[in-house]
Amino acid sequence: MSYGAIIGDVVGSIYEWNRIKTKDFDLFQDHCHYTDDSVCTAAVADVLLGNLPSVANVMRQWCRHHPDGGYGGYFEQWIHNDYMGPYGSFGNGSAMRISPVAFLNCSRPLERVLEISDWITEISHNHPEGIKGARATTHAIWLAFQGKKPTSIRETIASVYQYDLSRSVDDIRPTYVFNEICQKTVPEAITCALESNSFEDAIRNAVSLGGDSDTLATIAGSIAEALHGIPNDLIEKTKEFLPDDIIEVIERLYRTAGPFKVNSAFH
């Protein structure tokens, strides 16, 4: 789940401020790079793999170690202020970092998995819409791991979270504009994943919307991995753009969990 998120981040990184409205683009280019989406995803994985004393402290350590992640203004303040608590955010940062929760707990009961999602999210993004965006992403991944079909996942997420998932990618694309809040990115990213016919297709769907491309592709990629898996060549290519510490923690995540294994830290 985490390579799915990180591949989306790296591929989408160069289109966040150079937005496109087409699926016809080179997947990797020399100036692709990892962003805050990858850093925060790695931090969540690190917490869930046993670095548990404080979610906020671990997140701050990772972000301070990667100061050029392109963090949002309030989150940047939060990173550098050890005494700052959650600040009512409903930004899409809550959803882009959450995939390790579903990956490491996909054989656990849904309600417990969503509780863990809340625990991770509430350190900063404690607005109800921020909580909801992370929950919806976690829930969609969890359902995919249960073998649910995209139509079933779409119906469930739309019903539980009251997201409009009725539009197709082609419906969304013409009028979609850059947005960084959960309400305007999580439903669209979920649609990009559920409409895809492969992992790569989900990433291309997300970037082609012409919005917050790295985060849209991060969220879509995390769901698409559970639906389709990832070709190994995409993983190996993405590693060329990543620092050693992110690779190490994500590799440890896969070794520790694997599909449908339980993270014993939450027993």
C-alpha atoms as a PDB file:
ATOM      1  CA  MET A   1       0.000   0.000   0.000  1.00  0.00           C
ATOM      2  CA  SER A   2       2.761   2.288   0.577  1.00  0.00           C
ATOM      3  CA  TYR A   3       4.616   1.835  -2.688  1.00  0.00           C
ATOM      4  CA  GLY A   4       1.288   2.451  -4.377  1.00  0.00           C
ATOM      5  CA  ALA A   5       1.057   5.775  -2.569  1.00  0.00           C
ATOM      6  CA  ILE A   6       4.691   6.714  -3.126  1.00  0.00           C
ATOM      7  CA  ILE A   7       4.705   5.892  -6.840  1.00  0.00           C
ATOM      8  CA  GLY A   8       1.687   8.164  -7.207  1.00  0.00           C
ATOM      9  CA  ASP A   9       3.526  10.922  -5.357  1.00  0.00           C
ATOM     10  CA  VAL A  10       6.675  10.682  -7.472  1.00  0.00           C
ATOM     11  CA  VAL A  11       4.828  10.482 -10.790  1.00  0.00           C
ATOM     12  CA  GLY A  12       2.479  13.325  -9.873  1.00  0.00           C
ATOM     13  CA  SER A  13       5.159  15.542  -8.345  1.00  0.00           C
ATOM     14  CA  ILE A  14       6.008  17.474 -11.515  1.00  0.00           C
ATOM     15  CA  TYR A  15       2.396  18.179 -12.429  1.00  0.00           C
ATOM     16  CA  GLU A  16       1.228  19.841  -9.217  1.00  0.00           C
ATOM     17  CA  TRP A  17       2.124  23.283 -10.600  1.00  0.00           C
ATOM     18  CA  ASN A  18       2.288  22.266 -14.270  1.00  0.00           C
ATOM     19  CA  ARG A  19      -1.137  20.711 -14.558  1.00  0.00           C
ATOM     20  CA  ILE A  20      -2.266  18.602 -17.464  1.00  0.00           C
ATOM     21  CA  LYS A  21      -5.625  17.302 -18.662  1.00  0.00           C
ATOM     22  CA  THR A  22      -4.494  14.187 -20.484  1.00  0.00           C
ATOM     23  CA  LYS A  23      -3.530  10.609 -19.643  1.00  0.00           C
ATOM     24  CA  ASP A  24      -0.868  10.681 -22.365  1.00  0.00           C
ATOM     25  CA  PHE A  25       2.354  11.587 -20.569  1.00  0.00           C
ATOM     26  CA  ASP A  26       5.685  10.022 -19.647  1.00  0.00           C
ATOM     27  CA  LEU A  27       5.236   8.278 -16.320  1.00  0.00           C
ATOM     28  CA  PHE A  28       8.724   9.123 -15.046  1.00  0.00           C
ATOM     29  CA  GLN A  29      10.862  12.115 -15.932  1.00  0.00           C
ATOM     30  CA  ASP A  30      14.254  13.212 -14.666  1.00  0.00           C
ATOM     31  CA  HIS A  31      12.830  15.973 -12.495  1.00  0.00           C
ATOM     32  CA  CYS A  32      10.291  13.771 -10.717  1.00  0.00           C
ATOM     33  CA  HIS A  33      10.856  13.772  -6.961  1.00  0.00           C
ATOM     34  CA  TYR A  34       9.309  12.636  -3.702  1.00  0.00           C
ATOM     35  CA  THR A  35       7.264  15.146  -1.704  1.00  0.00           C
ATOM     36  CA  ASP A  36       5.564  15.477   1.660  1.00  0.00           C
ATOM     37  CA  ASP A  37       3.160  12.717   0.634  1.00  0.00           C
ATOM     38  CA  SER A  38       5.973  10.149   0.655  1.00  0.00           C
ATOM     39  CA  VAL A  39       7.606  11.524   3.790  1.00  0.00           C
ATOM     40  CA  CYS A  40       4.374  11.453   5.795  1.00  0.00           C
ATOM     41  CA  THR A  41       3.449   7.992   4.485  1.00  0.00           C
ATOM     42  CA  ALA A  42       6.856   6.706   5.595  1.00  0.00           C
ATOM     43  CA  ALA A  43       6.353   8.325   9.006  1.00  0.00           C
ATOM     44  CA  VAL A  44       3.015   6.560   9.470  1.00  0.00           C
ATOM     45  CA  ALA A  45       4.593   3.255   8.463  1.00  0.00           C
ATOM     46  CA  ASP A  46       7.390   3.862  10.975  1.00  0.00           C
ATOM     47  CA  VAL A  47       4.878   4.475  13.765  1.00  0.00           C
ATOM     48  CA  LEU A  48       2.868   1.373  12.959  1.00  0.00           C
ATOM     49  CA  LEU A  49       5.971  -0.791  12.755  1.00  0.00           C
ATOM     50  CA  GLY A  50       6.713  -0.085  16.391  1.00  0.00           C
ATOM     51  CA  ASN A  51       7.985   3.488  16.799  1.00  0.00           C
ATOM     52  CA  LEU A  52       4.969   4.195  18.995  1.00  0.00           C
ATOM     53  CA  PRO A  53       5.747   6.628  21.848  1.00  0.00           C
ATOM     54  CA  SER A  54       4.209   9.615  20.072  1.00  0.00           C
ATOM     55  CA  VAL A  55       2.735   9.724  16.597  1.00  0.00           C
ATOM     56  CA  ALA A  56       3.248  13.478  16.487  1.00  0.00           C
ATOM     57  CA  ASN A  57       6.914  13.250  17.483  1.00  0.00           C
ATOM     58  CA  VAL A  58       7.676  10.598  14.868  1.00  0.00           C
ATOM     59  CA  MET A  59       5.891  12.621  12.187  1.00  0.00           C
ATOM     60  CA  ARG A  60       7.814  15.748  13.142  1.00  0.00           C
ATOM     61  CA  GLN A  61      11.142  13.870  13.103  1.00  0.00           C
ATOM     62  CA  TRP A  62      10.545  12.577   9.596  1.00  0.00           C
ATOM     63  CA  CYS A  63       9.407  15.944   8.260  1.00  0.00           C
ATOM     64  CA  ARG A  64      12.309  17.820   9.855  1.00  0.00           C
ATOM     65  CA  HIS A  65      14.713  15.316   8.338  1.00  0.00           C
ATOM     66  CA  HIS A  66      13.145  16.041   4.922  1.00  0.00           C
ATOM     67  CA  PRO A  67      12.662  19.827   5.077  1.00  0.00           C
ATOM     68  CA  ASP A  68      12.037  20.286   1.359  1.00  0.00           C
ATOM     69  CA  GLY A  69       8.887  18.171   1.174  1.00  0.00           C
ATOM     70  CA  GLY A  70       6.637  21.059   0.173  1.00  0.00           C
ATOM     71  CA  TYR A  71       4.525  21.044   3.329  1.00  0.00           C
ATOM     72  CA  GLY A  72       1.423  23.192   3.701  1.00  0.00           C
ATOM     73  CA  GLY A  73       1.694  26.407   5.696  1.00  0.00           C
ATOM     74  CA  TYR A  74      -0.067  25.357   8.908  1.00  0.00           C
ATOM     75  CA  PHE A  75       1.464  21.890   8.800  1.00  0.00           C
ATOM     76  CA  GLU A  76       4.909  23.469   8.427  1.00  0.00           C
ATOM     77  CA  GLN A  77       4.247  25.456  11.613  1.00  0.00           C
ATOM     78  CA  TRP A  78       3.083  22.276  13.341  1.00  0.00           C
ATOM     79  CA  ILE A  79       6.255  20.427  12.282  1.00  0.00           C
ATOM     80  CA  HIS A  80       8.504  22.984  13.953  1.00  0.00           C
ATOM     81  CA  ASN A  81       6.464  23.603  17.107  1.00  0.00           C
ATOM     82  CA  ASP A  82       6.617  20.700  19.566  1.00  0.00           C
ATOM     83  CA  TYR A  83       3.813  22.244  21.623  1.00  0.00           C
ATOM     84  CA  MET A  84       1.353  22.824  18.811  1.00  0.00           C
ATOM     85  CA  GLY A  85      -1.605  20.479  18.872  1.00  0.00           C
ATOM     86  CA  PRO A  86      -4.070  19.605  16.146  1.00  0.00           C
ATOM     87  CA  TYR A  87      -5.274  22.660  14.289  1.00  0.00           C
ATOM     88  CA  GLY A  88      -8.616  21.697  12.802  1.00  0.00           C
ATOM     89  CA  SER A  89      -7.316  20.904   9.341  1.00  0.00           C
ATOM     90  CA  PHE A  90      -9.441  19.255   6.664  1.00  0.00           C
ATOM     91  CA  GLY A  91      -6.632  19.304   4.128  1.00  0.00           C
ATOM     92  CA  ASN A  92      -5.992  16.255   1.998  1.00  0.00           C
ATOM     93  CA  GLY A  93      -2.795  15.550   3.924  1.00  0.00           C
ATOM     94  CA  SER A  94      -4.876  13.365   6.216  1.00  0.00           C
ATOM     95  CA  ALA A  95      -5.719  10.993   3.371  1.00  0.00           C
ATOM     96  CA  MET A  96      -2.417  10.986   1.493  1.00  0.00           C
ATOM     97  CA  ARG A  97      -0.437   9.578   4.454  1.00  0.00           C
ATOM     98  CA  ILE A  98      -2.904   7.002   5.763  1.00  0.00           C
ATOM     99  CA  SER A  99      -2.402   3.946   3.526  1.00  0.00           C
ATOM    100  CA  PRO A 100      -0.066   2.002   5.891  1.00  0.00           C
ATOM    101  CA  VAL A 101      -2.962   1.743   8.355  1.00  0.00           C
ATOM    102  CA  ALA A 102      -5.032  -0.358   5.952  1.00  0.00           C
ATOM    103  CA  PHE A 103      -2.032  -2.282   4.649  1.00  0.00           C
ATOM    104  CA  LEU A 104      -0.827  -3.385   8.075  1.00  0.00           C
ATOM    105  CA  ASN A 105      -4.283  -4.108   9.455  1.00  0.00           C
ATOM    106  CA  CYS A 106      -6.239  -5.434   6.487  1.00  0.00           C
ATOM    107  CA  SER A 107      -7.214  -8.651   8.263  1.00  0.00           C
ATOM    108  CA  ARG A 108      -8.541  -6.835  11.317  1.00  0.00           C
ATOM    109  CA  PRO A 109     -12.177  -5.794  11.890  1.00  0.00           C
ATOM    110  CA  LEU A 110     -13.043  -2.624  10.033  1.00  0.00           C
ATOM    111  CA  GLU A 111     -14.023  -0.627  13.105  1.00  0.00           C
ATOM    112  CA  ARG A 112     -10.626  -1.215  14.721  1.00  0.00           C
ATOM    113  CA  VAL A 113      -8.851  -0.233  11.520  1.00  0.00           C
ATOM    114  CA  LEU A 114     -10.839   3.006  11.360  1.00  0.00           C
ATOM    115  CA  GLU A 115      -9.984   3.718  15.007  1.00  0.00           C
ATOM    116  CA  ILE A 116      -6.300   3.435  14.123  1.00  0.00           C
ATOM    117  CA  SER A 117      -6.877   5.766  11.170  1.00  0.00           C
ATOM    118  CA  ASP A 118      -8.386   8.319  13.555  1.00  0.00           C
ATOM    119  CA  TRP A 119      -5.466   7.934  15.969  1.00  0.00           C
ATOM    120  CA  ILE A 120      -2.994   8.754  13.196  1.00  0.00           C
ATOM    121  CA  THR A 121      -5.065  11.557  11.718  1.00  0.00           C
ATOM    122  CA  GLU A 122      -6.005  13.451  14.870  1.00  0.00           C
ATOM    123  CA  ILE A 123      -2.460  14.622  15.613  1.00  0.00           C
ATOM    124  CA  SER A 124      -3.032  17.442  13.123  1.00  0.00           C
ATOM    125  CA  HIS A 125      -6.102  16.996  10.904  1.00  0.00           C
ATOM    126  CA  ASN A 126      -8.819  16.771  13.547  1.00  0.00           C
ATOM    127  CA  HIS A 127     -11.593  18.517  11.622  1.00  0.00           C
ATOM    128  CA  PRO A 128     -14.466  16.078  10.908  1.00  0.00           C
ATOM    129  CA  GLU A 129     -13.789  16.325   7.174  1.00  0.00           C
ATOM    130  CA  GLY A 130     -10.102  15.576   7.714  1.00  0.00           C
ATOM    131  CA  ILE A 131     -11.003  12.525   9.780  1.00  0.00           C
ATOM    132  CA  LYS A 132     -13.545  11.477   7.153  1.00  0.00           C
ATOM    133  CA  GLY A 133     -11.105  11.772   4.264  1.00  0.00           C
ATOM    134  CA  ALA A 134      -8.591   9.509   5.982  1.00  0.00           C
ATOM    135  CA  ARG A 135     -11.309   7.056   7.012  1.00  0.00           C
ATOM    136  CA  ALA A 136     -12.765   6.860   3.515  1.00  0.00           C
ATOM    137  CA  THR A 137      -9.343   6.155   2.009  1.00  0.00           C
ATOM    138  CA  THR A 138      -8.571   3.534   4.650  1.00  0.00           C
ATOM    139  CA  HIS A 139     -11.995   1.955   4.207  1.00  0.00           C
ATOM    140  CA  ALA A 140     -11.651   1.757   0.414  1.00  0.00           C
ATOM    141  CA  ILE A 141      -8.259   0.053   0.705  1.00  0.00           C
ATOM    142  CA  TRP A 142      -9.570  -2.346   3.346  1.00  0.00           C
ATOM    143  CA  LEU A 143     -12.515  -3.301   1.138  1.00  0.00           C
ATOM    144  CA  ALA A 144     -10.201  -3.904  -1.813  1.00  0.00           C
ATOM    145  CA  PHE A 145      -8.143  -6.253   0.337  1.00  0.00           C
ATOM    146  CA  GLN A 146     -11.327  -8.142   1.168  1.00  0.00           C
ATOM    147  CA  GLY A 147     -11.722  -8.809  -2.550  1.00  0.00           C
ATOM    148  CA  LYS A 148     -14.631  -6.423  -3.051  1.00  0.00           C
ATOM    149  CA  LYS A 149     -15.238  -5.253  -6.610  1.00  0.00           C
ATOM    150  CA  PRO A 150     -14.945  -1.560  -7.533  1.00  0.00           C
ATOM    151  CA  THR A 151     -18.714  -1.217  -7.952  1.00  0.00           C
ATOM    152  CA  SER A 152     -19.273  -2.530  -4.433  1.00  0.00           C
ATOM    153  CA  ILE A 153     -16.532  -0.305  -2.984  1.00  0.00           C
ATOM    154  CA  ARG A 154     -18.036   2.706  -4.749  1.00  0.00           C
ATOM    155  CA  GLU A 155     -21.487   2.007  -3.319  1.00  0.00           C
ATOM    156  CA  THR A 156     -20.166   1.513   0.206  1.00  0.00           C
ATOM    157  CA  ILE A 157     -17.946   4.595   0.307  1.00  0.00           C
ATOM    158  CA  ALA A 158     -20.641   6.796  -1.233  1.00  0.00           C
ATOM    159  CA  SER A 159     -23.175   5.580   1.313  1.00  0.00           C
ATOM    160  CA  VAL A 160     -21.027   5.693   4.433  1.00  0.00           C
ATOM    161  CA  TYR A 161     -19.188   8.960   3.748  1.00  0.00           C
ATOM    162  CA  GLN A 162     -21.753  10.775   1.600  1.00  0.00           C
ATOM    163  CA  TYR A 163     -19.206  11.374  -1.151  1.00  0.00           C
ATOM    164  CA  ASP A 164     -20.429  11.902  -4.696  1.00  0.00           C
ATOM    165  CA  LEU A 165     -18.868   9.018  -6.591  1.00  0.00           C
ATOM    166  CA  SER A 166     -21.402   9.065  -9.402  1.00  0.00           C
ATOM    167  CA  ARG A 167     -19.186  10.888 -11.910  1.00  0.00           C
ATOM    168  CA  SER A 168     -16.635   9.252 -14.158  1.00  0.00           C
ATOM    169  CA  VAL A 169     -13.069  10.493 -14.580  1.00  0.00           C
ATOM    170  CA  ASP A 170     -14.087  11.933 -17.948  1.00  0.00           C
ATOM    171  CA  ASP A 171     -16.965  13.759 -16.252  1.00  0.00           C
ATOM    172  CA  ILE A 172     -14.703  15.243 -13.583  1.00  0.00           C
ATOM    173  CA  ARG A 173     -11.717  16.266 -15.717  1.00  0.00           C
ATOM    174  CA  PRO A 174     -13.054  19.184 -17.834  1.00  0.00           C
ATOM    175  CA  THR A 175     -14.035  21.448 -14.936  1.00  0.00           C
ATOM    176  CA  TYR A 176     -11.819  20.150 -12.152  1.00  0.00           C
ATOM    177  CA  VAL A 177      -9.437  22.683 -10.610  1.00  0.00           C
ATOM    178  CA  PHE A 178      -6.623  22.552  -8.091  1.00  0.00           C
ATOM    179  CA  ASN A 179      -7.858  21.982  -4.548  1.00  0.00           C
ATOM    180  CA  GLU A 180      -6.161  20.806  -1.367  1.00  0.00           C
ATOM    181  CA  ILE A 181      -9.117  19.934   0.863  1.00  0.00           C
ATOM    182  CA  CYS A 182     -10.405  16.444   1.495  1.00  0.00           C
ATOM    183  CA  GLN A 183     -13.905  17.187   0.260  1.00  0.00           C
ATOM    184  CA  LYS A 184     -12.630  18.145  -3.200  1.00  0.00           C
ATOM    185  CA  THR A 185      -9.842  15.583  -3.641  1.00  0.00           C
ATOM    186  CA  VAL A 186     -10.631  12.349  -1.804  1.00  0.00           C
ATOM    187  CA  PRO A 187     -13.815  11.502  -3.781  1.00  0.00           C
ATOM    188  CA  GLU A 188     -12.062  12.284  -7.055  1.00  0.00           C
ATOM    189  CA  ALA A 189      -8.992  10.219  -6.151  1.00  0.00           C
ATOM    190  CA  ILE A 190     -11.167   7.275  -5.113  1.00  0.00           C
ATOM    191  CA  THR A 191     -12.980   7.512  -8.449  1.00  0.00           C
ATOM    192  CA  CYS A 192      -9.651   7.466 -10.298  1.00  0.00           C
ATOM    193  CA  ALA A 193      -8.738   4.204  -8.566  1.00  0.00           C
ATOM    194  CA  LEU A 194     -12.113   2.492  -8.870  1.00  0.00           C
ATOM    195  CA  GLU A 195     -12.445   3.309 -12.563  1.00  0.00           C
ATOM    196  CA  SER A 196      -8.968   2.031 -13.414  1.00  0.00           C
ATOM    197  CA  ASN A 197      -8.111  -1.153 -15.279  1.00  0.00           C
ATOM    198  CA  SER A 198      -4.578  -1.343 -13.868  1.00  0.00           C
ATOM    199  CA  PHE A 199      -2.362   0.325 -11.290  1.00  0.00           C
ATOM    200  CA  GLU A 200      -0.760   2.530 -13.924  1.00  0.00           C
ATOM    201  CA  ASP A 201      -4.162   3.513 -15.293  1.00  0.00           C
ATOM    202  CA  ALA A 202      -5.219   4.745 -11.838  1.00  0.00           C
ATOM    203  CA  ILE A 203      -2.139   6.978 -11.621  1.00  0.00           C
ATOM    204  CA  ARG A 204      -2.761   8.349 -15.111  1.00  0.00           C
ATOM    205  CA  ASN A 205      -6.399   9.028 -14.210  1.00  0.00           C
ATOM    206  CA  ALA A 206      -5.368  10.999 -11.140  1.00  0.00           C
ATOM    207  CA  VAL A 207      -2.708  13.130 -12.815  1.00  0.00           C
ATOM    208  CA  SER A 208      -4.986  13.844 -15.772  1.00  0.00           C
ATOM    209  CA  LEU A 209      -7.511  15.658 -13.597  1.00  0.00           C
ATOM    210  CA  GLY A 210      -5.218  18.674 -13.519  1.00  0.00           C
ATOM    211  CA  GLY A 211      -5.406  19.233  -9.788  1.00  0.00           C
ATOM    212  CA  ASP A 212      -3.214  18.527  -6.762  1.00  0.00           C
ATOM    213  CA  SER A 213      -1.622  15.809  -8.842  1.00  0.00           C
ATOM    214  CA  ASP A 214       0.850  14.274  -6.417  1.00  0.00           C
ATOM    215  CA  THR A 215      -1.737  13.895  -3.666  1.00  0.00           C
ATOM    216  CA  LEU A 216      -4.516  12.746  -5.981  1.00  0.00           C
ATOM    217  CA  ALA A 217      -2.158  10.105  -7.391  1.00  0.00           C
ATOM    218  CA  THR A 218      -0.940   9.150  -3.914  1.00  0.00           C
ATOM    219  CA  ILE A 219      -4.475   8.425  -2.712  1.00  0.00           C
ATOM    220  CA  ALA A 220      -5.528   6.745  -5.961  1.00  0.00           C
ATOM    221  CA  GLY A 221      -2.327   4.710  -6.038  1.00  0.00           C
ATOM    222  CA  SER A 222      -2.806   3.428  -2.512  1.00  0.00           C
ATOM    223  CA  ILE A 223      -6.249   2.063  -3.411  1.00  0.00           C
ATOM    224  CA  ALA A 224      -5.175   0.817  -6.839  1.00  0.00           C
ATOM    225  CA  GLU A 225      -2.377  -1.266  -5.318  1.00  0.00           C
ATOM    226  CA  ALA A 226      -4.940  -3.201  -3.291  1.00  0.00           C
ATOM    227  CA  LEU A 227      -7.099  -3.648  -6.389  1.00  0.00           C
ATOM    228  CA  HIS A 228      -4.466  -4.496  -8.996  1.00  0.00           C
ATOM    229  CA  GLY A 229      -1.041  -4.923  -7.415  1.00  0.00           C
ATOM    230  CA  ILE A 230       1.984  -3.082  -8.824  1.00  0.00           C
ATOM    231  CA  PRO A 231       4.345  -4.170 -11.610  1.00  0.00           C
ATOM    232  CA  ASN A 232       7.790  -4.605 -10.088  1.00  0.00           C
ATOM    233  CA  ASP A 233       9.434  -2.406 -12.711  1.00  0.00           C
ATOM    234  CA  LEU A 234       7.431   0.593 -11.449  1.00  0.00           C
ATOM    235  CA  ILE A 235       8.634  -0.036  -7.915  1.00  0.00           C
ATOM    236  CA  GLU A 236      12.256  -0.334  -9.003  1.00  0.00           C
ATOM    237  CA  LYS A 237      12.055   2.825 -11.100  1.00  0.00           C
ATOM    238  CA  THR A 238      10.491   4.772  -8.252  1.00  0.00           C
ATOM    239  CA  LYS A 239      13.301   3.766  -5.888  1.00  0.00           C
ATOM    240  CA  GLU A 240      15.672   5.812  -8.056  1.00  0.00           C
ATOM    241  CA  PHE A 241      13.923   8.955  -6.801  1.00  0.00           C
ATOM    242  CA  LEU A 242      13.776   8.011  -3.099  1.00  0.00           C
ATOM    243  CA  PRO A 243      16.206   8.471  -0.202  1.00  0.00           C
ATOM    244  CA  ASP A 244      17.436   5.420   1.664  1.00  0.00           C
ATOM    245  CA  ASP A 245      15.367   5.990   4.815  1.00  0.00           C
ATOM    246  CA  ILE A 246      12.050   5.971   2.946  1.00  0.00           C
ATOM    247  CA  ILE A 247      13.024   2.848   1.028  1.00  0.00           C
ATOM    248  CA  GLU A 248      14.128   1.140   4.251  1.00  0.00           C
ATOM    249  CA  VAL A 249      10.913   1.740   6.170  1.00  0.00           C
ATOM    250  CA  ILE A 250       8.679   0.782   3.245  1.00  0.00           C
ATOM    251  CA  GLU A 251      10.656  -2.390   2.582  1.00  0.00           C
ATOM    252  CA  ARG A 252      10.348  -3.196   6.286  1.00  0.00           C
ATOM    253  CA  LEU A 253       6.604  -2.619   6.068  1.00  0.00           C
ATOM    254  CA  TYR A 254       6.273  -5.203   3.294  1.00  0.00           C
ATOM    255  CA  ARG A 255       8.526  -7.704   5.072  1.00  0.00           C
ATOM    256  CA  THR A 256       6.698  -7.297   8.365  1.00  0.00           C
ATOM    257  CA  ALA A 257       3.131  -7.325   7.149  1.00  0.00           C
ATOM    258  CA  GLY A 258       2.598  -8.769   3.741  1.00  0.00           C
ATOM    259  CA  PRO A 259      -0.978  -9.080   2.520  1.00  0.00           C
ATOM    260  CA  PHE A 260      -3.610  -9.860   5.166  1.00  0.00           C
ATOM    261  CA  LYS A 261      -1.291  -9.991   8.179  1.00  0.00           C
ATOM    262  CA  VAL A 262      -2.036  -8.202  11.431  1.00  0.00           C
ATOM    263  CA  ASN A 263       0.124  -5.566  13.063  1.00  0.00           C
ATOM    264  CA  SER A 264       0.660  -6.954  16.551  1.00  0.00           C
ATOM    265  CA  ALA A 265       1.386  -3.507  17.970  1.00  0.00           C
ATOM    266  CA  PHE A 266      -2.372  -2.905  18.240  1.00  0.00           C
ATOM    267  CA  HIS A 267      -3.433  -6.157  19.920  1.00  0.00           C
END
